[in-house]
PDB file of all heavy atoms in Angstrom:
ATOM      1  N   ALA A   1     -72.453  58.550 -66.867  1.00  0.00           N
ATOM      2  CA  ALA A   1     -72.757  57.618 -65.813  1.00  0.00           C
ATOM      3  C   ALA A   1     -73.987  58.124 -65.078  1.00  0.00           C
ATOM      4  O   ALA A   1     -74.212  59.306 -64.926  1.00  0.00           O
ATOM      5  CB  ALA A   1     -71.613  57.427 -64.868  1.00  0.00           C
ATOM      6  N   ALA A   2     -74.725  57.150 -64.548  1.00  0.00           N
ATOM      7  CA  ALA A   2     -75.903  57.470 -63.666  1.00  0.00           C
ATOM      8  C   ALA A   2     -75.393  57.975 -62.339  1.00  0.00           C
ATOM      9  O   ALA A   2     -74.197  57.786 -62.017  1.00  0.00           O
ATOM     10  CB  ALA A   2     -76.771  56.273 -63.506  1.00  0.00           C
ATOM     11  N   ASP A   3     -76.257  58.706 -61.605  1.00  0.00           N
ATOM     12  CA  ASP A   3     -75.860  59.234 -60.337  1.00  0.00           C
ATOM     13  C   ASP A   3     -75.306  58.148 -59.408  1.00  0.00           C
ATOM     14  O   ASP A   3     -74.405  58.378 -58.586  1.00  0.00           O
ATOM     15  CB  ASP A   3     -77.008  60.026 -59.679  1.00  0.00           C
ATOM     16  CG  ASP A   3     -77.375  61.263 -60.444  1.00  0.00           C
ATOM     17  OD1 ASP A   3     -76.644  61.674 -61.337  1.00  0.00           O
ATOM     18  OD2 ASP A   3     -78.448  61.858 -60.208  1.00  0.00           O
ATOM     19  N   ALA A   4     -75.967  56.980 -59.478  1.00  0.00           N
ATOM     20  CA  ALA A   4     -75.536  55.921 -58.556  1.00  0.00           C
ATOM     21  C   ALA A   4     -74.158  55.351 -58.869  1.00  0.00           C
ATOM     22  O   ALA A   4     -73.492  54.743 -58.056  1.00  0.00           O
ATOM     23  CB  ALA A   4     -76.574  54.758 -58.588  1.00  0.00           C
ATOM     24  N   ASP A   5     -73.707  55.637 -60.150  1.00  0.00           N
ATOM     25  CA  ASP A   5     -72.418  55.083 -60.552  1.00  0.00           C
ATOM     26  C   ASP A   5     -71.249  56.152 -60.444  1.00  0.00           C
ATOM     27  O   ASP A   5     -70.148  55.845 -60.806  1.00  0.00           O
ATOM     28  CB  ASP A   5     -72.465  54.648 -62.020  1.00  0.00           C
ATOM     29  CG  ASP A   5     -73.408  53.507 -62.253  1.00  0.00           C
ATOM     30  OD1 ASP A   5     -73.512  52.696 -61.307  1.00  0.00           O
ATOM     31  OD2 ASP A   5     -74.003  53.437 -63.307  1.00  0.00           O
ATOM     32  N   LEU A   6     -71.558  57.285 -59.867  1.00  0.00           N
ATOM     33  CA  LEU A   6     -70.564  58.358 -59.629  1.00  0.00           C
ATOM     34  C   LEU A   6     -69.813  57.977 -58.357  1.00  0.00           C
ATOM     35  O   LEU A   6     -70.005  58.616 -57.288  1.00  0.00           O
ATOM     36  CB  LEU A   6     -71.196  59.680 -59.577  1.00  0.00           C
ATOM     37  CG  LEU A   6     -71.802  60.228 -60.869  1.00  0.00           C
ATOM     38  CD1 LEU A   6     -72.499  61.572 -60.623  1.00  0.00           C
ATOM     39  CD2 LEU A   6     -70.761  60.320 -61.952  1.00  0.00           C
ATOM     40  N   THR A   7     -68.962  56.996 -58.401  1.00  0.00           N
ATOM     41  CA  THR A   7     -68.143  56.499 -57.258  1.00  0.00           C
ATOM     42  C   THR A   7     -66.702  56.582 -57.574  1.00  0.00           C
ATOM     43  O   THR A   7     -66.335  56.581 -58.752  1.00  0.00           O
ATOM     44  CB  THR A   7     -68.565  55.086 -56.837  1.00  0.00           C
ATOM     45  OG1 THR A   7     -68.232  54.220 -57.926  1.00  0.00           O
ATOM     46  CG2 THR A   7     -70.080  54.981 -56.556  1.00  0.00           C
ATOM     47  N   TYR A   8     -65.894  56.619 -56.556  1.00  0.00           N
ATOM     48  CA  TYR A   8     -64.466  56.729 -56.771  1.00  0.00           C
ATOM     49  C   TYR A   8     -63.932  55.468 -57.469  1.00  0.00           C
ATOM     50  O   TYR A   8     -62.996  55.587 -58.308  1.00  0.00           O
ATOM     51  CB  TYR A   8     -63.743  56.958 -55.416  1.00  0.00           C
ATOM     52  CG  TYR A   8     -62.299  57.227 -55.508  1.00  0.00           C
ATOM     53  CD1 TYR A   8     -61.792  58.110 -56.542  1.00  0.00           C
ATOM     54  CD2 TYR A   8     -61.398  56.770 -54.554  1.00  0.00           C
ATOM     55  CE1 TYR A   8     -60.464  58.386 -56.623  1.00  0.00           C
ATOM     56  CE2 TYR A   8     -60.050  57.118 -54.640  1.00  0.00           C
ATOM     57  CZ  TYR A   8     -59.599  57.904 -55.683  1.00  0.00           C
ATOM     58  OH  TYR A   8     -58.240  58.191 -55.783  1.00  0.00           O
ATOM     59  N   ASP A   9     -64.524  54.373 -57.159  1.00  0.00           N
ATOM     60  CA  ASP A   9     -64.111  53.093 -57.816  1.00  0.00           C
ATOM     61  C   ASP A   9     -64.342  53.178 -59.344  1.00  0.00           C
ATOM     62  O   ASP A   9     -63.493  52.800 -60.122  1.00  0.00           O
ATOM     63  CB  ASP A   9     -64.910  51.944 -57.222  1.00  0.00           C
ATOM     64  CG  ASP A   9     -64.406  50.608 -57.692  1.00  0.00           C
ATOM     65  OD1 ASP A   9     -63.246  50.520 -58.242  1.00  0.00           O
ATOM     66  OD2 ASP A   9     -65.127  49.605 -57.532  1.00  0.00           O
ATOM     67  N   ASN A  10     -65.422  53.701 -59.766  1.00  0.00           N
ATOM     68  CA  ASN A  10     -65.749  53.800 -61.188  1.00  0.00           C
ATOM     69  C   ASN A  10     -64.860  54.805 -61.887  1.00  0.00           C
ATOM     70  O   ASN A  10     -64.402  54.630 -63.012  1.00  0.00           O
ATOM     71  CB  ASN A  10     -67.230  54.109 -61.416  1.00  0.00           C
ATOM     72  CG  ASN A  10     -68.151  52.971 -61.093  1.00  0.00           C
ATOM     73  OD1 ASN A  10     -67.699  51.823 -61.193  1.00  0.00           O
ATOM     74  ND2 ASN A  10     -69.369  53.274 -60.706  1.00  0.00           N
ATOM     75  N   PHE A  11     -64.588  55.914 -61.208  1.00  0.00           N
ATOM     76  CA  PHE A  11     -63.647  56.902 -61.794  1.00  0.00           C
ATOM     77  C   PHE A  11     -62.270  56.270 -61.920  1.00  0.00           C
ATOM     78  O   PHE A  11     -61.584  56.437 -62.973  1.00  0.00           O
ATOM     79  CB  PHE A  11     -63.564  58.128 -60.904  1.00  0.00           C
ATOM     80  CG  PHE A  11     -64.694  59.090 -61.156  1.00  0.00           C
ATOM     81  CD1 PHE A  11     -65.785  59.202 -60.236  1.00  0.00           C
ATOM     82  CD2 PHE A  11     -64.727  59.963 -62.256  1.00  0.00           C
ATOM     83  CE1 PHE A  11     -66.800  60.110 -60.398  1.00  0.00           C
ATOM     84  CE2 PHE A  11     -65.754  60.836 -62.472  1.00  0.00           C
ATOM     85  CZ  PHE A  11     -66.807  60.908 -61.566  1.00  0.00           C
ATOM     86  N   GLY A  12     -61.820  55.508 -60.915  1.00  0.00           N
ATOM     87  CA  GLY A  12     -60.519  54.912 -60.985  1.00  0.00           C
ATOM     88  C   GLY A  12     -60.445  53.836 -62.129  1.00  0.00           C
ATOM     89  O   GLY A  12     -59.433  53.782 -62.805  1.00  0.00           O
ATOM     90  N   ALA A  13     -61.521  53.098 -62.324  1.00  0.00           N
ATOM     91  CA  ALA A  13     -61.581  52.037 -63.338  1.00  0.00           C
ATOM     92  C   ALA A  13     -61.481  52.725 -64.747  1.00  0.00           C
ATOM     93  O   ALA A  13     -60.825  52.206 -65.665  1.00  0.00           O
ATOM     94  CB  ALA A  13     -62.806  51.190 -63.198  1.00  0.00           C
ATOM     95  N   ALA A  14     -62.257  53.799 -64.873  1.00  0.00           N
ATOM     96  CA  ALA A  14     -62.296  54.481 -66.189  1.00  0.00           C
ATOM     97  C   ALA A  14     -60.878  55.033 -66.557  1.00  0.00           C
ATOM     98  O   ALA A  14     -60.444  54.974 -67.687  1.00  0.00           O
ATOM     99  CB  ALA A  14     -63.323  55.615 -66.216  1.00  0.00           C
ATOM    100  N   ILE A  15     -60.212  55.589 -65.550  1.00  0.00           N
ATOM    101  CA  ILE A  15     -58.884  56.214 -65.777  1.00  0.00           C
ATOM    102  C   ILE A  15     -57.844  55.089 -66.023  1.00  0.00           C
ATOM    103  O   ILE A  15     -56.870  55.229 -66.761  1.00  0.00           O
ATOM    104  CB  ILE A  15     -58.486  57.110 -64.633  1.00  0.00           C
ATOM    105  CG1 ILE A  15     -59.459  58.280 -64.565  1.00  0.00           C
ATOM    106  CG2 ILE A  15     -57.079  57.572 -64.785  1.00  0.00           C
ATOM    107  CD1 ILE A  15     -59.272  59.145 -63.315  1.00  0.00           C
ATOM    108  N   GLY A  16     -58.001  53.937 -65.277  1.00  0.00           N
ATOM    109  CA  GLY A  16     -57.004  52.909 -65.334  1.00  0.00           C
ATOM    110  C   GLY A  16     -56.942  52.192 -66.688  1.00  0.00           C
ATOM    111  O   GLY A  16     -55.859  51.697 -67.032  1.00  0.00           O
ATOM    112  N   PHE A  17     -58.005  52.158 -67.409  1.00  0.00           N
ATOM    113  CA  PHE A  17     -58.027  51.465 -68.728  1.00  0.00           C
ATOM    114  C   PHE A  17     -56.988  51.983 -69.686  1.00  0.00           C
ATOM    115  O   PHE A  17     -56.212  51.283 -70.239  1.00  0.00           O
ATOM    116  CB  PHE A  17     -59.411  51.418 -69.359  1.00  0.00           C
ATOM    117  CG  PHE A  17     -59.446  50.696 -70.670  1.00  0.00           C
ATOM    118  CD1 PHE A  17     -59.409  49.344 -70.666  1.00  0.00           C
ATOM    119  CD2 PHE A  17     -59.535  51.364 -71.815  1.00  0.00           C
ATOM    120  CE1 PHE A  17     -59.461  48.637 -71.905  1.00  0.00           C
ATOM    121  CE2 PHE A  17     -59.569  50.729 -73.050  1.00  0.00           C
ATOM    122  CZ  PHE A  17     -59.552  49.368 -73.136  1.00  0.00           C
ATOM    123  N   PRO A  18     -56.895  53.337 -69.959  1.00  0.00           N
ATOM    124  CA  PRO A  18     -55.888  53.826 -70.865  1.00  0.00           C
ATOM    125  C   PRO A  18     -54.485  53.689 -70.296  1.00  0.00           C
ATOM    126  O   PRO A  18     -53.525  53.549 -71.066  1.00  0.00           O
ATOM    127  CB  PRO A  18     -56.268  55.297 -71.057  1.00  0.00           C
ATOM    128  CG  PRO A  18     -57.148  55.635 -69.944  1.00  0.00           C
ATOM    129  CD  PRO A  18     -57.892  54.374 -69.553  1.00  0.00           C
ATOM    130  N   MET A  19     -54.349  53.613 -68.954  1.00  0.00           N
ATOM    131  CA  MET A  19     -53.032  53.466 -68.392  1.00  0.00           C
ATOM    132  C   MET A  19     -52.478  52.092 -68.723  1.00  0.00           C
ATOM    133  O   MET A  19     -51.250  51.946 -68.980  1.00  0.00           O
ATOM    134  CB  MET A  19     -53.156  53.574 -66.854  1.00  0.00           C
ATOM    135  CG  MET A  19     -53.579  54.965 -66.335  1.00  0.00           C
ATOM    136  SD  MET A  19     -52.377  56.182 -66.662  1.00  0.00           S
ATOM    137  CE  MET A  19     -53.252  57.631 -66.053  1.00  0.00           C
ATOM    138  N   VAL A  20     -53.331  51.084 -68.798  1.00  0.00           N
ATOM    139  CA  VAL A  20     -52.850  49.716 -69.081  1.00  0.00           C
ATOM    140  C   VAL A  20     -52.334  49.653 -70.542  1.00  0.00           C
ATOM    141  O   VAL A  20     -51.464  48.776 -70.811  1.00  0.00           O
ATOM    142  CB  VAL A  20     -54.017  48.719 -68.913  1.00  0.00           C
ATOM    143  CG1 VAL A  20     -53.636  47.298 -69.315  1.00  0.00           C
ATOM    144  CG2 VAL A  20     -54.466  48.703 -67.440  1.00  0.00           C
ATOM    145  N   ILE A  21     -52.739  50.533 -71.375  1.00  0.00           N
ATOM    146  CA  ILE A  21     -52.219  50.549 -72.805  1.00  0.00           C
ATOM    147  C   ILE A  21     -51.052  51.420 -72.943  1.00  0.00           C
ATOM    148  O   ILE A  21     -50.053  51.052 -73.549  1.00  0.00           O
ATOM    149  CB  ILE A  21     -53.392  51.039 -73.694  1.00  0.00           C
ATOM    150  CG1 ILE A  21     -54.614  50.101 -73.607  1.00  0.00           C
ATOM    151  CG2 ILE A  21     -52.912  51.104 -75.157  1.00  0.00           C
ATOM    152  CD1 ILE A  21     -55.774  50.536 -74.405  1.00  0.00           C
ATOM    153  N   ILE A  22     -51.059  52.607 -72.337  1.00  0.00           N
ATOM    154  CA  ILE A  22     -50.011  53.602 -72.625  1.00  0.00           C
ATOM    155  C   ILE A  22     -48.749  53.288 -71.886  1.00  0.00           C
ATOM    156  O   ILE A  22     -47.632  53.308 -72.422  1.00  0.00           O
ATOM    157  CB  ILE A  22     -50.543  55.057 -72.248  1.00  0.00           C
ATOM    158  CG1 ILE A  22     -51.677  55.402 -73.140  1.00  0.00           C
ATOM    159  CG2 ILE A  22     -49.393  56.032 -72.404  1.00  0.00           C
ATOM    160  CD1 ILE A  22     -52.335  56.694 -72.766  1.00  0.00           C
ATOM    161  N   LEU A  23     -48.839  52.948 -70.587  1.00  0.00           N
ATOM    162  CA  LEU A  23     -47.582  52.816 -69.777  1.00  0.00           C
ATOM    163  C   LEU A  23     -46.739  51.630 -70.267  1.00  0.00           C
ATOM    164  O   LEU A  23     -45.500  51.818 -70.328  1.00  0.00           O
ATOM    165  CB  LEU A  23     -48.022  52.575 -68.307  1.00  0.00           C
ATOM    166  CG  LEU A  23     -48.615  53.822 -67.582  1.00  0.00           C
ATOM    167  CD1 LEU A  23     -49.029  53.437 -66.180  1.00  0.00           C
ATOM    168  CD2 LEU A  23     -47.596  54.908 -67.580  1.00  0.00           C
ATOM    169  N   PRO A  24     -47.269  50.451 -70.617  1.00  0.00           N
ATOM    170  CA  PRO A  24     -46.435  49.427 -71.207  1.00  0.00           C
ATOM    171  C   PRO A  24     -45.695  49.871 -72.486  1.00  0.00           C
ATOM    172  O   PRO A  24     -44.554  49.477 -72.738  1.00  0.00           O
ATOM    173  CB  PRO A  24     -47.345  48.259 -71.441  1.00  0.00           C
ATOM    174  CG  PRO A  24     -48.462  48.458 -70.467  1.00  0.00           C
ATOM    175  CD  PRO A  24     -48.631  49.922 -70.399  1.00  0.00           C
ATOM    176  N   ILE A  25     -46.393  50.702 -73.288  1.00  0.00           N
ATOM    177  CA  ILE A  25     -45.797  51.146 -74.555  1.00  0.00           C
ATOM    178  C   ILE A  25     -44.582  52.078 -74.199  1.00  0.00           C
ATOM    179  O   ILE A  25     -43.503  52.005 -74.795  1.00  0.00           O
ATOM    180  CB  ILE A  25     -46.785  51.871 -75.393  1.00  0.00           C
ATOM    181  CG1 ILE A  25     -47.871  50.899 -75.915  1.00  0.00           C
ATOM    182  CG2 ILE A  25     -46.097  52.582 -76.611  1.00  0.00           C
ATOM    183  CD1 ILE A  25     -48.954  51.542 -76.774  1.00  0.00           C
ATOM    184  N   ILE A  26     -44.750  52.912 -73.216  1.00  0.00           N
ATOM    185  CA  ILE A  26     -43.666  53.816 -72.737  1.00  0.00           C
ATOM    186  C   ILE A  26     -42.480  52.951 -72.273  1.00  0.00           C
ATOM    187  O   ILE A  26     -41.330  53.199 -72.646  1.00  0.00           O
ATOM    188  CB  ILE A  26     -44.157  54.741 -71.665  1.00  0.00           C
ATOM    189  CG1 ILE A  26     -45.139  55.734 -72.207  1.00  0.00           C
ATOM    190  CG2 ILE A  26     -42.979  55.482 -70.998  1.00  0.00           C
ATOM    191  CD1 ILE A  26     -45.813  56.592 -71.129  1.00  0.00           C
ATOM    192  N   ALA A  27     -42.774  51.934 -71.488  1.00  0.00           N
ATOM    193  CA  ALA A  27     -41.664  51.052 -71.037  1.00  0.00           C
ATOM    194  C   ALA A  27     -41.055  50.322 -72.160  1.00  0.00           C
ATOM    195  O   ALA A  27     -39.775  50.163 -72.159  1.00  0.00           O
ATOM    196  CB  ALA A  27     -42.194  50.050 -69.985  1.00  0.00           C
TER     197      ALA A  27
END
């Protein structure tokens, strides 16, 4: 990511994508 994109929102979005896949499979 570019320096301007190093924000908490972008880090959260990047981490949230695999969560949407893995957590429902666990359930």
